[in-house]
Amino acid sequence: MKVIVDTNGFMVQAQFGVDIMDELGRLGYDECIVPSAVLDELKMLEKKVRGKDKLAVAVATALARRCQGVDARGNADDVIVSLAKQLDADVFTNDAELRKRLRSQGTKTVYMRSKHKLETDYM
């Protein structure tokens, strides 16, 4: 199964110590997709943050590079909503508003549960 990973999804590994690639695999995902809009957000964050957050962004960027890139620029949330529909992919995000938008179009979401594992919506 395919999963598109949002910026905050990549940040989970450094922030909570959860191996997101292992967790996504446990949930049955074998294809990780990252839109260029998410990579752009990570680059922007890298310039803004300091300390622990800077390390989290570096880890997130390294993880994003392990995924299949898709050239899709613009507002990251809008790009993710559109790509999820186009590619028939689920989305890993902890953004409540984005999850609501995705679920309203019938897209399953993966999210952080209890700070140590990922969980998915089953519709």
PDB file of N, CA and C in Angstrom:
ATOM      1  N   MET A   1       0.842  -1.179   0.000  1.00  0.00           N
ATOM      2  CA  MET A   1       0.000   0.000   0.000  1.00  0.00           C
ATOM      3  C   MET A   1       0.886   1.240   0.000  1.00  0.00           C
ATOM      4  N   LYS A   2       0.324   2.316  -0.549  1.00  0.00           N
ATOM      5  CA  LYS A   2       1.049   3.588  -0.633  1.00  0.00           C
ATOM      6  C   LYS A   2       0.647   4.515   0.503  1.00  0.00           C
ATOM      7  N   VAL A   3       1.629   5.282   0.991  1.00  0.00           N
ATOM      8  CA  VAL A   3       1.349   6.300   2.006  1.00  0.00           C
ATOM      9  C   VAL A   3       2.154   7.562   1.683  1.00  0.00           C
ATOM     10  N   ILE A   4       1.453   8.690   1.685  1.00  0.00           N
ATOM     11  CA  ILE A   4       2.088   9.990   1.527  1.00  0.00           C
ATOM     12  C   ILE A   4       2.391  10.497   2.936  1.00  0.00           C
ATOM     13  N   VAL A   5       3.606  10.988   3.147  1.00  0.00           N
ATOM     14  CA  VAL A   5       3.987  11.447   4.483  1.00  0.00           C
ATOM     15  C   VAL A   5       4.060  12.977   4.505  1.00  0.00           C
ATOM     16  N   ASP A   6       3.338  13.568   5.453  1.00  0.00           N
ATOM     17  CA  ASP A   6       3.323  15.013   5.668  1.00  0.00           C
ATOM     18  C   ASP A   6       4.575  15.414   6.462  1.00  0.00           C
ATOM     19  N   THR A   7       4.885  16.680   6.446  1.00  0.00           N
ATOM     20  CA  THR A   7       6.058  17.203   7.156  1.00  0.00           C
ATOM     21  C   THR A   7       6.076  16.759   8.617  1.00  0.00           C
ATOM     22  N   ASN A   8       4.962  16.928   9.326  1.00  0.00           N
ATOM     23  CA  ASN A   8       4.958  16.572  10.751  1.00  0.00           C
ATOM     24  C   ASN A   8       5.061  15.065  10.959  1.00  0.00           C
ATOM     25  N   GLY A   9       4.688  14.275   9.959  1.00  0.00           N
ATOM     26  CA  GLY A   9       4.865  12.828  10.047  1.00  0.00           C
ATOM     27  C   GLY A   9       6.336  12.451  10.108  1.00  0.00           C
ATOM     28  N   PHE A  10       7.143  13.117   9.285  1.00  0.00           N
ATOM     29  CA  PHE A  10       8.582  12.853   9.308  1.00  0.00           C
ATOM     30  C   PHE A  10       9.220  13.298  10.620  1.00  0.00           C
ATOM     31  N   MET A  11       8.662  14.302  11.259  1.00  0.00           N
ATOM     32  CA  MET A  11       9.225  14.837  12.507  1.00  0.00           C
ATOM     33  C   MET A  11       9.026  13.881  13.695  1.00  0.00           C
ATOM     34  N   VAL A  12       8.078  12.962  13.591  1.00  0.00           N
ATOM     35  CA  VAL A  12       7.730  12.055  14.692  1.00  0.00           C
ATOM     36  C   VAL A  12       8.935  11.257  15.184  1.00  0.00           C
ATOM     37  N   GLN A  13       9.776  10.802  14.252  1.00  0.00           N
ATOM     38  CA  GLN A  13      10.891   9.941  14.652  1.00  0.00           C
ATOM     39  C   GLN A  13      11.812  10.648  15.647  1.00  0.00           C
ATOM     40  N   ALA A  14      12.197  11.867  15.358  1.00  0.00           N
ATOM     41  CA  ALA A  14      13.101  12.588  16.262  1.00  0.00           C
ATOM     42  C   ALA A  14      12.382  13.087  17.508  1.00  0.00           C
ATOM     43  N   GLN A  15      11.121  13.469  17.368  1.00  0.00           N
ATOM     44  CA  GLN A  15      10.396  14.036  18.503  1.00  0.00           C
ATOM     45  C   GLN A  15       9.957  12.989  19.517  1.00  0.00           C
ATOM     46  N   PHE A  16       9.594  11.787  19.042  1.00  0.00           N
ATOM     47  CA  PHE A  16       9.046  10.772  19.944  1.00  0.00           C
ATOM     48  C   PHE A  16       9.836   9.468  19.965  1.00  0.00           C
ATOM     49  N   GLY A  17      10.876   9.359  19.135  1.00  0.00           N
ATOM     50  CA  GLY A  17      11.680   8.145  19.114  1.00  0.00           C
ATOM     51  C   GLY A  17      10.984   6.956  18.477  1.00  0.00           C
ATOM     52  N   VAL A  18       9.991   7.209  17.647  1.00  0.00           N
ATOM     53  CA  VAL A  18       9.256   6.142  16.967  1.00  0.00           C
ATOM     54  C   VAL A  18       9.869   5.948  15.584  1.00  0.00           C
ATOM     55  N   ASP A  19      10.266   4.707  15.260  1.00  0.00           N
ATOM     56  CA  ASP A  19      10.815   4.416  13.935  1.00  0.00           C
ATOM     57  C   ASP A  19       9.653   4.388  12.952  1.00  0.00           C
ATOM     58  N   ILE A  20       9.455   5.489  12.238  1.00  0.00           N
ATOM     59  CA  ILE A  20       8.257   5.585  11.401  1.00  0.00           C
ATOM     60  C   ILE A  20       8.285   4.605  10.235  1.00  0.00           C
ATOM     61  N   MET A  21       9.449   4.285   9.701  1.00  0.00           N
ATOM     62  CA  MET A  21       9.505   3.335   8.589  1.00  0.00           C
ATOM     63  C   MET A  21       9.087   1.943   9.060  1.00  0.00           C
ATOM     64  N   ASP A  22       9.560   1.528  10.243  1.00  0.00           N
ATOM     65  CA  ASP A  22       9.135   0.240  10.799  1.00  0.00           C
ATOM     66  C   ASP A  22       7.638   0.235  11.074  1.00  0.00           C
ATOM     67  N   GLU A  23       7.146   1.317  11.667  1.00  0.00           N
ATOM     68  CA  GLU A  23       5.722   1.406  12.002  1.00  0.00           C
ATOM     69  C   GLU A  23       4.849   1.402  10.746  1.00  0.00           C
ATOM     70  N   LEU A  24       5.269   2.132   9.718  1.00  0.00           N
ATOM     71  CA  LEU A  24       4.499   2.123   8.469  1.00  0.00           C
ATOM     72  C   LEU A  24       4.504   0.727   7.857  1.00  0.00           C
ATOM     73  N   GLY A  25       5.647   0.049   7.921  1.00  0.00           N
ATOM     74  CA  GLY A  25       5.719  -1.334   7.444  1.00  0.00           C
ATOM     75  C   GLY A  25       4.807  -2.255   8.233  1.00  0.00           C
ATOM     76  N   ARG A  26       4.770  -2.078   9.543  1.00  0.00           N
ATOM     77  CA  ARG A  26       3.889  -2.892  10.398  1.00  0.00           C
ATOM     78  C   ARG A  26       2.428  -2.720  10.000  1.00  0.00           C
ATOM     79  N   LEU A  27       2.078  -1.509   9.558  1.00  0.00           N
ATOM     80  CA  LEU A  27       0.702  -1.231   9.146  1.00  0.00           C
ATOM     81  C   LEU A  27       0.420  -1.668   7.707  1.00  0.00           C
ATOM     82  N   GLY A  28       1.434  -2.207   7.022  1.00  0.00           N
ATOM     83  CA  GLY A  28       1.226  -2.735   5.674  1.00  0.00           C
ATOM     84  C   GLY A  28       1.621  -1.806   4.539  1.00  0.00           C
ATOM     85  N   TYR A  29       2.261  -0.697   4.863  1.00  0.00           N
ATOM     86  CA  TYR A  29       2.675   0.240   3.818  1.00  0.00           C
ATOM     87  C   TYR A  29       4.052  -0.149   3.305  1.00  0.00           C
ATOM     88  N   ASP A  30       4.157  -0.285   1.977  1.00  0.00           N
ATOM     89  CA  ASP A  30       5.436  -0.651   1.383  1.00  0.00           C
ATOM     90  C   ASP A  30       5.950   0.407   0.412  1.00  0.00           C
ATOM     91  N   GLU A  31       5.185   1.470   0.231  1.00  0.00           N
ATOM     92  CA  GLU A  31       5.602   2.561  -0.650  1.00  0.00           C
ATOM     93  C   GLU A  31       5.369   3.898   0.048  1.00  0.00           C
ATOM     94  N   CYS A  32       6.457   4.596   0.314  1.00  0.00           N
ATOM     95  CA  CYS A  32       6.422   5.891   1.001  1.00  0.00           C
ATOM     96  C   CYS A  32       6.621   6.989  -0.042  1.00  0.00           C
ATOM     97  N   ILE A  33       5.709   7.956  -0.059  1.00  0.00           N
ATOM     98  CA  ILE A  33       5.741   9.027  -1.056  1.00  0.00           C
ATOM     99  C   ILE A  33       5.899  10.372  -0.355  1.00  0.00           C
ATOM    100  N   VAL A  34       6.774  11.214  -0.908  1.00  0.00           N
ATOM    101  CA  VAL A  34       6.967  12.561  -0.359  1.00  0.00           C
ATOM    102  C   VAL A  34       6.845  13.581  -1.493  1.00  0.00           C
ATOM    103  N   PRO A  35       5.848  14.454  -1.408  1.00  0.00           N
ATOM    104  CA  PRO A  35       5.720  15.515  -2.413  1.00  0.00           C
ATOM    105  C   PRO A  35       6.823  16.562  -2.236  1.00  0.00           C
ATOM    106  N   SER A  36       7.222  17.192  -3.325  1.00  0.00           N
ATOM    107  CA  SER A  36       8.257  18.227  -3.235  1.00  0.00           C
ATOM    108  C   SER A  36       7.811  19.375  -2.331  1.00  0.00           C
ATOM    109  N   ALA A  37       6.506  19.595  -2.206  1.00  0.00           N
ATOM    110  CA  ALA A  37       6.003  20.646  -1.304  1.00  0.00           C
ATOM    111  C   ALA A  37       6.403  20.362   0.144  1.00  0.00           C
ATOM    112  N   VAL A  38       6.438  19.093   0.522  1.00  0.00           N
ATOM    113  CA  VAL A  38       6.859  18.712   1.879  1.00  0.00           C
ATOM    114  C   VAL A  38       8.363  18.949   2.032  1.00  0.00           C
ATOM    115  N   LEU A  39       9.139  18.592   1.018  1.00  0.00           N
ATOM    116  CA  LEU A  39      10.583  18.856   1.073  1.00  0.00           C
ATOM    117  C   LEU A  39      10.850  20.354   1.183  1.00  0.00           C
ATOM    118  N   ASP A  40      10.051  21.151   0.471  1.00  0.00           N
ATOM    119  CA  ASP A  40      10.190  22.610   0.562  1.00  0.00           C
ATOM    120  C   ASP A  40       9.911  23.102   1.985  1.00  0.00           C
ATOM    121  N   GLU A  41       8.883  22.532   2.627  1.00  0.00           N
ATOM    122  CA  GLU A  41       8.570  22.908   4.019  1.00  0.00           C
ATOM    123  C   GLU A  41       9.724  22.560   4.945  1.00  0.00           C
ATOM    124  N   LEU A  42      10.320  21.382   4.740  1.00  0.00           N
ATOM    125  CA  LEU A  42      11.448  20.970   5.576  1.00  0.00           C
ATOM    126  C   LEU A  42      12.635  21.921   5.396  1.00  0.00           C
ATOM    127  N   LYS A  43      12.903  22.331   4.150  1.00  0.00           N
ATOM    128  CA  LYS A  43      14.002  23.282   3.901  1.00  0.00           C
ATOM    129  C   LYS A  43      13.737  24.607   4.607  1.00  0.00           C
ATOM    130  N   MET A  44      12.490  25.064   4.548  1.00  0.00           N
ATOM    131  CA  MET A  44      12.124  26.317   5.198  1.00  0.00           C
ATOM    132  C   MET A  44      12.289  26.199   6.720  1.00  0.00           C
ATOM    133  N   LEU A  45      11.845  25.073   7.280  1.00  0.00           N
ATOM    134  CA  LEU A  45      11.971  24.853   8.724  1.00  0.00           C
ATOM    135  C   LEU A  45      13.432  24.822   9.154  1.00  0.00           C
ATOM    136  N   GLU A  46      14.264  24.197   8.329  1.00  0.00           N
ATOM    137  CA  GLU A  46      15.686  24.078   8.659  1.00  0.00           C
ATOM    138  C   GLU A  46      16.318  25.456   8.889  1.00  0.00           C
ATOM    139  N   LYS A  47      15.863  26.445   8.143  1.00  0.00           N
ATOM    140  CA  LYS A  47      16.407  27.798   8.272  1.00  0.00           C
ATOM    141  C   LYS A  47      15.859  28.528   9.494  1.00  0.00           C
ATOM    142  N   LYS A  48      14.683  28.132   9.971  1.00  0.00           N
ATOM    143  CA  LYS A  48      14.007  28.854  11.052  1.00  0.00           C
ATOM    144  C   LYS A  48      14.298  28.327  12.453  1.00  0.00           C
ATOM    145  N   VAL A  49      14.511  27.019  12.584  1.00  0.00           N
ATOM    146  CA  VAL A  49      14.550  26.413  13.916  1.00  0.00           C
ATOM    147  C   VAL A  49      15.967  26.317  14.472  1.00  0.00           C
ATOM    148  N   ARG A  50      16.041  26.088  15.779  1.00  0.00           N
ATOM    149  CA  ARG A  50      17.315  25.959  16.502  1.00  0.00           C
ATOM    150  C   ARG A  50      17.227  24.771  17.468  1.00  0.00           C
ATOM    151  N   GLY A  51      18.382  24.356  17.964  1.00  0.00           N
ATOM    152  CA  GLY A  51      18.443  23.342  19.013  1.00  0.00           C
ATOM    153  C   GLY A  51      17.862  21.996  18.622  1.00  0.00           C
ATOM    154  N   LYS A  52      17.038  21.429  19.521  1.00  0.00           N
ATOM    155  CA  LYS A  52      16.432  20.110  19.306  1.00  0.00           C
ATOM    156  C   LYS A  52      15.603  20.075  18.031  1.00  0.00           C
ATOM    157  N   ASP A  53      14.919  21.182  17.754  1.00  0.00           N
ATOM    158  CA  ASP A  53      14.077  21.227  16.560  1.00  0.00           C
ATOM    159  C   ASP A  53      14.910  21.140  15.282  1.00  0.00           C
ATOM    160  N   LYS A  54      16.092  21.715  15.303  1.00  0.00           N
ATOM    161  CA  LYS A  54      16.978  21.648  14.134  1.00  0.00           C
ATOM    162  C   LYS A  54      17.394  20.198  13.883  1.00  0.00           C
ATOM    163  N   LEU A  55      17.688  19.456  14.954  1.00  0.00           N
ATOM    164  CA  LEU A  55      18.019  18.039  14.821  1.00  0.00           C
ATOM    165  C   LEU A  55      16.818  17.266  14.279  1.00  0.00           C
ATOM    166  N   ALA A  56      15.622  17.565  14.776  1.00  0.00           N
ATOM    167  CA  ALA A  56      14.403  16.893  14.310  1.00  0.00           C
ATOM    168  C   ALA A  56      14.200  17.122  12.814  1.00  0.00           C
ATOM    169  N   VAL A  57      14.464  18.329  12.353  1.00  0.00           N
ATOM    170  CA  VAL A  57      14.317  18.638  10.926  1.00  0.00           C
ATOM    171  C   VAL A  57      15.363  17.880  10.109  1.00  0.00           C
ATOM    172  N   ALA A  58      16.586  17.771  10.614  1.00  0.00           N
ATOM    173  CA  ALA A  58      17.637  17.029   9.911  1.00  0.00           C
ATOM    174  C   ALA A  58      17.266  15.553   9.789  1.00  0.00           C
ATOM    175  N   VAL A  59      16.750  14.968  10.860  1.00  0.00           N
ATOM    176  CA  VAL A  59      16.306  13.568  10.832  1.00  0.00           C
ATOM    177  C   VAL A  59      15.144  13.418   9.852  1.00  0.00           C
ATOM    178  N   ALA A  60      14.191  14.340   9.908  1.00  0.00           N
ATOM    179  CA  ALA A  60      13.026  14.303   9.019  1.00  0.00           C
ATOM    180  C   ALA A  60      13.456  14.381   7.554  1.00  0.00           C
ATOM    181  N   THR A  61      14.411  15.238   7.255  1.00  0.00           N
ATOM    182  CA  THR A  61      14.895  15.387   5.881  1.00  0.00           C
ATOM    183  C   THR A  61      15.570  14.106   5.404  1.00  0.00           C
ATOM    184  N   ALA A  62      16.365  13.484   6.262  1.00  0.00           N
ATOM    185  CA  ALA A  62      17.023  12.224   5.906  1.00  0.00           C
ATOM    186  C   ALA A  62      15.987  11.134   5.629  1.00  0.00           C
ATOM    187  N   LEU A  63      14.944  11.073   6.440  1.00  0.00           N
ATOM    188  CA  LEU A  63      13.877  10.092   6.215  1.00  0.00           C
ATOM    189  C   LEU A  63      13.139  10.372   4.911  1.00  0.00           C
ATOM    190  N   ALA A  64      12.864  11.635   4.650  1.00  0.00           N
ATOM    191  CA  ALA A  64      12.135  12.011   3.432  1.00  0.00           C
ATOM    192  C   ALA A  64      12.903  11.590   2.184  1.00  0.00           C
ATOM    193  N   ARG A  65      14.211  11.654   2.248  1.00  0.00           N
ATOM    194  CA  ARG A  65      15.035  11.271   1.091  1.00  0.00           C
ATOM    195  C   ARG A  65      14.982   9.768   0.819  1.00  0.00           C
ATOM    196  N   ARG A  66      14.530   8.987   1.790  1.00  0.00           N
ATOM    197  CA  ARG A  66      14.388   7.535   1.599  1.00  0.00           C
ATOM    198  C   ARG A  66      13.087   7.184   0.886  1.00  0.00           C
ATOM    199  N   CYS A  67      12.220   8.170   0.719  1.00  0.00           N
ATOM    200  CA  CYS A  67      10.915   7.939   0.094  1.00  0.00           C
ATOM    201  C   CYS A  67      10.947   8.336  -1.376  1.00  0.00           C
ATOM    202  N   GLN A  68       9.931   7.866  -2.091  1.00  0.00           N
ATOM    203  CA  GLN A  68       9.787   8.217  -3.503  1.00  0.00           C
ATOM    204  C   GLN A  68       9.311   9.661  -3.613  1.00  0.00           C
ATOM    205  N   GLY A  69      10.071  10.481  -4.300  1.00  0.00           N
ATOM    206  CA  GLY A  69       9.700  11.880  -4.472  1.00  0.00           C
ATOM    207  C   GLY A  69       8.702  12.066  -5.602  1.00  0.00           C
ATOM    208  N   VAL A  70       7.780  12.996  -5.409  1.00  0.00           N
ATOM    209  CA  VAL A  70       6.806  13.352  -6.444  1.00  0.00           C
ATOM    210  C   VAL A  70       6.865  14.864  -6.604  1.00  0.00           C
ATOM    211  N   ASP A  71       7.041  15.313  -7.847  1.00  0.00           N
ATOM    212  CA  ASP A  71       7.121  16.752  -8.103  1.00  0.00           C
ATOM    213  C   ASP A  71       5.727  17.352  -8.035  1.00  0.00           C
ATOM    214  N   ALA A  72       5.419  17.975  -6.929  1.00  0.00           N
ATOM    215  CA  ALA A  72       4.113  18.613  -6.713  1.00  0.00           C
ATOM    216  C   ALA A  72       4.336  19.780  -5.765  1.00  0.00           C
ATOM    217  N   ARG A  73       4.300  20.969  -6.311  1.00  0.00           N
ATOM    218  CA  ARG A  73       4.594  22.166  -5.519  1.00  0.00           C
ATOM    219  C   ARG A  73       3.327  22.935  -5.195  1.00  0.00           C
ATOM    220  N   GLY A  74       3.433  23.790  -4.188  1.00  0.00           N
ATOM    221  CA  GLY A  74       2.300  24.595  -3.752  1.00  0.00           C
ATOM    222  C   GLY A  74       2.117  24.421  -2.259  1.00  0.00           C
ATOM    223  N   ASN A  75       0.939  24.769  -1.775  1.00  0.00           N
ATOM    224  CA  ASN A  75       0.620  24.572  -0.365  1.00  0.00           C
ATOM    225  C   ASN A  75       0.665  23.074  -0.072  1.00  0.00           C
ATOM    226  N   ALA A  76       1.483  22.667   0.892  1.00  0.00           N
ATOM    227  CA  ALA A  76       1.699  21.240   1.152  1.00  0.00           C
ATOM    228  C   ALA A  76       0.394  20.501   1.450  1.00  0.00           C
ATOM    229  N   ASP A  77      -0.473  21.079   2.259  1.00  0.00           N
ATOM    230  CA  ASP A  77      -1.731  20.400   2.587  1.00  0.00           C
ATOM    231  C   ASP A  77      -2.589  20.197   1.344  1.00  0.00           C
ATOM    232  N   ASP A  78      -2.699  21.219   0.506  1.00  0.00           N
ATOM    233  CA  ASP A  78      -3.489  21.103  -0.724  1.00  0.00           C
ATOM    234  C   ASP A  78      -2.893  20.062  -1.659  1.00  0.00           C
ATOM    235  N   VAL A  79      -1.576  20.058  -1.771  1.00  0.00           N
ATOM    236  CA  VAL A  79      -0.880  19.089  -2.615  1.00  0.00           C
ATOM    237  C   VAL A  79      -1.138  17.671  -2.109  1.00  0.00           C
ATOM    238  N   ILE A  80      -1.056  17.467  -0.804  1.00  0.00           N
ATOM    239  CA  ILE A  80      -1.265  16.141  -0.219  1.00  0.00           C
ATOM    240  C   ILE A  80      -2.690  15.658  -0.465  1.00  0.00           C
ATOM    241  N   VAL A  81      -3.670  16.524  -0.271  1.00  0.00           N
ATOM    242  CA  VAL A  81      -5.075  16.146  -0.501  1.00  0.00           C
ATOM    243  C   VAL A  81      -5.268  15.719  -1.954  1.00  0.00           C
ATOM    244  N   SER A  82      -4.724  16.489  -2.867  1.00  0.00           N
ATOM    245  CA  SER A  82      -4.856  16.190  -4.293  1.00  0.00           C
ATOM    246  C   SER A  82      -4.134  14.892  -4.668  1.00  0.00           C
ATOM    247  N   LEU A  83      -2.897  14.741  -4.220  1.00  0.00           N
ATOM    248  CA  LEU A  83      -2.120  13.536  -4.537  1.00  0.00           C
ATOM    249  C   LEU A  83      -2.740  12.275  -3.950  1.00  0.00           C
ATOM    250  N   ALA A  84      -3.276  12.379  -2.746  1.00  0.00           N
ATOM    251  CA  ALA A  84      -3.891  11.206  -2.113  1.00  0.00           C
ATOM    252  C   ALA A  84      -5.004  10.660  -2.997  1.00  0.00           C
ATOM    253  N   LYS A  85      -5.780  11.550  -3.555  1.00  0.00           N
ATOM    254  CA  LYS A  85      -6.878  11.139  -4.432  1.00  0.00           C
ATOM    255  C   LYS A  85      -6.328  10.584  -5.750  1.00  0.00           C
ATOM    256  N   GLN A  86      -5.374  11.301  -6.353  1.00  0.00           N
ATOM    257  CA  GLN A  86      -4.785  10.890  -7.633  1.00  0.00           C
ATOM    258  C   GLN A  86      -4.109   9.529  -7.553  1.00  0.00           C
ATOM    259  N   LEU A  87      -3.347   9.319  -6.493  1.00  0.00           N
ATOM    260  CA  LEU A  87      -2.531   8.108  -6.363  1.00  0.00           C
ATOM    261  C   LEU A  87      -3.221   6.997  -5.585  1.00  0.00           C
ATOM    262  N   ASP A  88      -4.423   7.267  -5.098  1.00  0.00           N
ATOM    263  CA  ASP A  88      -5.145   6.323  -4.242  1.00  0.00           C
ATOM    264  C   ASP A  88      -4.243   5.882  -3.080  1.00  0.00           C
ATOM    265  N   ALA A  89      -3.707   6.883  -2.388  1.00  0.00           N
ATOM    266  CA  ALA A  89      -2.767   6.634  -1.292  1.00  0.00           C
ATOM    267  C   ALA A  89      -3.345   7.130   0.024  1.00  0.00           C
ATOM    268  N   ASP A  90      -2.943   6.483   1.114  1.00  0.00           N
ATOM    269  CA  ASP A  90      -3.272   6.955   2.452  1.00  0.00           C
ATOM    270  C   ASP A  90      -2.272   8.059   2.809  1.00  0.00           C
ATOM    271  N   VAL A  91      -2.508   8.754   3.920  1.00  0.00           N
ATOM    272  CA  VAL A  91      -1.637   9.868   4.312  1.00  0.00           C
ATOM    273  C   VAL A  91      -1.276   9.762   5.787  1.00  0.00           C
ATOM    274  N   PHE A  92       0.028   9.903   6.090  1.00  0.00           N
ATOM    275  CA  PHE A  92       0.502   9.950   7.467  1.00  0.00           C
ATOM    276  C   PHE A  92       0.677  11.407   7.863  1.00  0.00           C
ATOM    277  N   THR A  93      -0.169  11.872   8.792  1.00  0.00           N
ATOM    278  CA  THR A  93      -0.088  13.234   9.304  1.00  0.00           C
ATOM    279  C   THR A  93      -0.668  13.292  10.709  1.00  0.00           C
ATOM    280  N   ASN A  94      -0.172  14.216  11.500  1.00  0.00           N
ATOM    281  CA  ASN A  94      -0.758  14.465  12.822  1.00  0.00           C
ATOM    282  C   ASN A  94      -1.543  15.766  12.838  1.00  0.00           C
ATOM    283  N   ASP A  95      -1.692  16.390  11.688  1.00  0.00           N
ATOM    284  CA  ASP A  95      -2.418  17.650  11.545  1.00  0.00           C
ATOM    285  C   ASP A  95      -3.923  17.361  11.547  1.00  0.00           C
ATOM    286  N   ALA A  96      -4.614  17.776  12.601  1.00  0.00           N
ATOM    287  CA  ALA A  96      -6.041  17.463  12.769  1.00  0.00           C
ATOM    288  C   ALA A  96      -6.894  18.013  11.627  1.00  0.00           C
ATOM    289  N   GLU A  97      -6.617  19.231  11.196  1.00  0.00           N
ATOM    290  CA  GLU A  97      -7.405  19.826  10.102  1.00  0.00           C
ATOM    291  C   GLU A  97      -7.185  19.074   8.793  1.00  0.00           C
ATOM    292  N   LEU A  98      -5.939  18.715   8.514  1.00  0.00           N
ATOM    293  CA  LEU A  98      -5.640  17.966   7.297  1.00  0.00           C
ATOM    294  C   LEU A  98      -6.294  16.592   7.351  1.00  0.00           C
ATOM    295  N   ARG A  99      -6.237  15.934   8.498  1.00  0.00           N
ATOM    296  CA  ARG A  99      -6.887  14.621   8.640  1.00  0.00           C
ATOM    297  C   ARG A  99      -8.384  14.724   8.363  1.00  0.00           C
ATOM    298  N   LYS A 100      -9.005  15.788   8.852  1.00  0.00           N
ATOM    299  CA  LYS A 100     -10.437  15.994   8.625  1.00  0.00           C
ATOM    300  C   LYS A 100     -10.726  16.155   7.128  1.00  0.00           C
ATOM    301  N   ARG A 101      -9.915  16.959   6.447  1.00  0.00           N
ATOM    302  CA  ARG A 101     -10.087  17.158   5.000  1.00  0.00           C
ATOM    303  C   ARG A 101      -9.941  15.842   4.245  1.00  0.00           C
ATOM    304  N   LEU A 102      -8.929  15.073   4.616  1.00  0.00           N
ATOM    305  CA  LEU A 102      -8.671  13.807   3.933  1.00  0.00           C
ATOM    306  C   LEU A 102      -9.800  12.809   4.162  1.00  0.00           C
ATOM    307  N   ARG A 103     -10.243  12.699   5.400  1.00  0.00           N
ATOM    308  CA  ARG A 103     -11.332  11.753   5.708  1.00  0.00           C
ATOM    309  C   ARG A 103     -12.612  12.140   4.987  1.00  0.00           C
ATOM    310  N   SER A 104     -12.846  13.443   4.796  1.00  0.00           N
ATOM    311  CA  SER A 104     -14.068  13.881   4.111  1.00  0.00           C
ATOM    312  C   SER A 104     -14.075  13.468   2.642  1.00  0.00           C
ATOM    313  N   GLN A 105     -12.899  13.200   2.071  1.00  0.00           N
ATOM    314  CA  GLN A 105     -12.845  12.721   0.689  1.00  0.00           C
ATOM    315  C   GLN A 105     -12.630  11.207   0.632  1.00  0.00           C
ATOM    316  N   GLY A 106     -12.678  10.549   1.792  1.00  0.00           N
ATOM    317  CA  GLY A 106     -12.576   9.094   1.833  1.00  0.00           C
ATOM    318  C   GLY A 106     -11.162   8.554   1.896  1.00  0.00           C
ATOM    319  N   THR A 107     -10.198   9.399   2.216  1.00  0.00           N
ATOM    320  CA  THR A 107      -8.802   8.973   2.316  1.00  0.00           C
ATOM    321  C   THR A 107      -8.492   8.544   3.745  1.00  0.00           C
ATOM    322  N   LYS A 108      -7.896   7.359   3.885  1.00  0.00           N
ATOM    323  CA  LYS A 108      -7.473   6.890   5.209  1.00  0.00           C
ATOM    324  C   LYS A 108      -6.254   7.686   5.663  1.00  0.00           C
ATOM    325  N   THR A 109      -6.169   7.897   6.964  1.00  0.00           N
ATOM    326  CA  THR A 109      -5.007   8.596   7.505  1.00  0.00           C
ATOM    327  C   THR A 109      -4.302   7.731   8.541  1.00  0.00           C
ATOM    328  N   VAL A 110      -3.004   7.941   8.629  1.00  0.00           N
ATOM    329  CA  VAL A 110      -2.162   7.315   9.646  1.00  0.00           C
ATOM    330  C   VAL A 110      -1.743   8.450  10.569  1.00  0.00           C
ATOM    331  N   TYR A 111      -1.731   8.187  11.865  1.00  0.00           N
ATOM    332  CA  TYR A 111      -1.418   9.246  12.824  1.00  0.00           C
ATOM    333  C   TYR A 111      -0.728   8.644  14.041  1.00  0.00           C
ATOM    334  N   MET A 112      -0.114   9.521  14.823  1.00  0.00           N
ATOM    335  CA  MET A 112       0.580   9.116  16.044  1.00  0.00           C
ATOM    336  C   MET A 112      -0.436   8.781  17.121  1.00  0.00           C
ATOM    337  N   ARG A 113      -0.252   7.638  17.761  1.00  0.00           N
ATOM    338  CA  ARG A 113      -1.160   7.217  18.822  1.00  0.00           C
ATOM    339  C   ARG A 113      -0.348   6.976  20.089  1.00  0.00           C
ATOM    340  N   SER A 114      -0.711   7.577  21.156  1.00  0.00           N
ATOM    341  CA  SER A 114      -0.120   7.396  22.490  1.00  0.00           C
ATOM    342  C   SER A 114       1.412   7.532  22.529  1.00  0.00           C
ATOM    343  N   LYS A 115       1.941   8.367  21.687  1.00  0.00           N
ATOM    344  CA  LYS A 115       3.364   8.736  21.667  1.00  0.00           C
ATOM    345  C   LYS A 115       4.345   7.581  21.485  1.00  0.00           C
ATOM    346  N   HIS A 116       3.871   6.408  21.070  1.00  0.00           N
ATOM    347  CA  HIS A 116       4.834   5.342  20.823  1.00  0.00           C
ATOM    348  C   HIS A 116       4.475   4.417  19.672  1.00  0.00           C
ATOM    349  N   LYS A 117       3.369   4.680  18.982  1.00  0.00           N
ATOM    350  CA  LYS A 117       3.042   3.858  17.816  1.00  0.00           C
ATOM    351  C   LYS A 117       2.148   4.646  16.866  1.00  0.00           C
ATOM    352  N   LEU A 118       2.103   4.149  15.633  1.00  0.00           N
ATOM    353  CA  LEU A 118       1.233   4.753  14.632  1.00  0.00           C
ATOM    354  C   LEU A 118      -0.032   3.923  14.511  1.00  0.00           C
ATOM    355  N   GLU A 119      -1.100   4.587  14.148  1.00  0.00           N
ATOM    356  CA  GLU A 119      -2.390   3.925  13.969  1.00  0.00           C
ATOM    357  C   GLU A 119      -3.036   4.486  12.714  1.00  0.00           C
ATOM    358  N   THR A 120      -3.962   3.731  12.136  1.00  0.00           N
ATOM    359  CA  THR A 120      -4.654   4.182  10.935  1.00  0.00           C
ATOM    360  C   THR A 120      -6.155   4.205  11.155  1.00  0.00           C
ATOM    361  N   ASP A 121      -6.821   5.082  10.407  1.00  0.00           N
ATOM    362  CA  ASP A 121      -8.286   5.105  10.404  1.00  0.00           C
ATOM    363  C   ASP A 121      -8.757   3.963   9.516  1.00  0.00           C
ATOM    364  N   TYR A 122      -9.739   3.252   9.935  1.00  0.00           N
ATOM    365  CA  TYR A 122     -10.368   2.259   9.064  1.00  0.00           C
ATOM    366  C   TYR A 122     -11.786   2.703   8.841  1.00  0.00           C
ATOM    367  N   MET A 123     -12.094   2.980   7.587  1.00  0.00           N
ATOM    368  CA  MET A 123     -13.416   3.510   7.254  1.00  0.00           C
ATOM    369  C   MET A 123     -14.357   2.397   6.854  1.00  0.00           C
TER     370      MET A 123
END
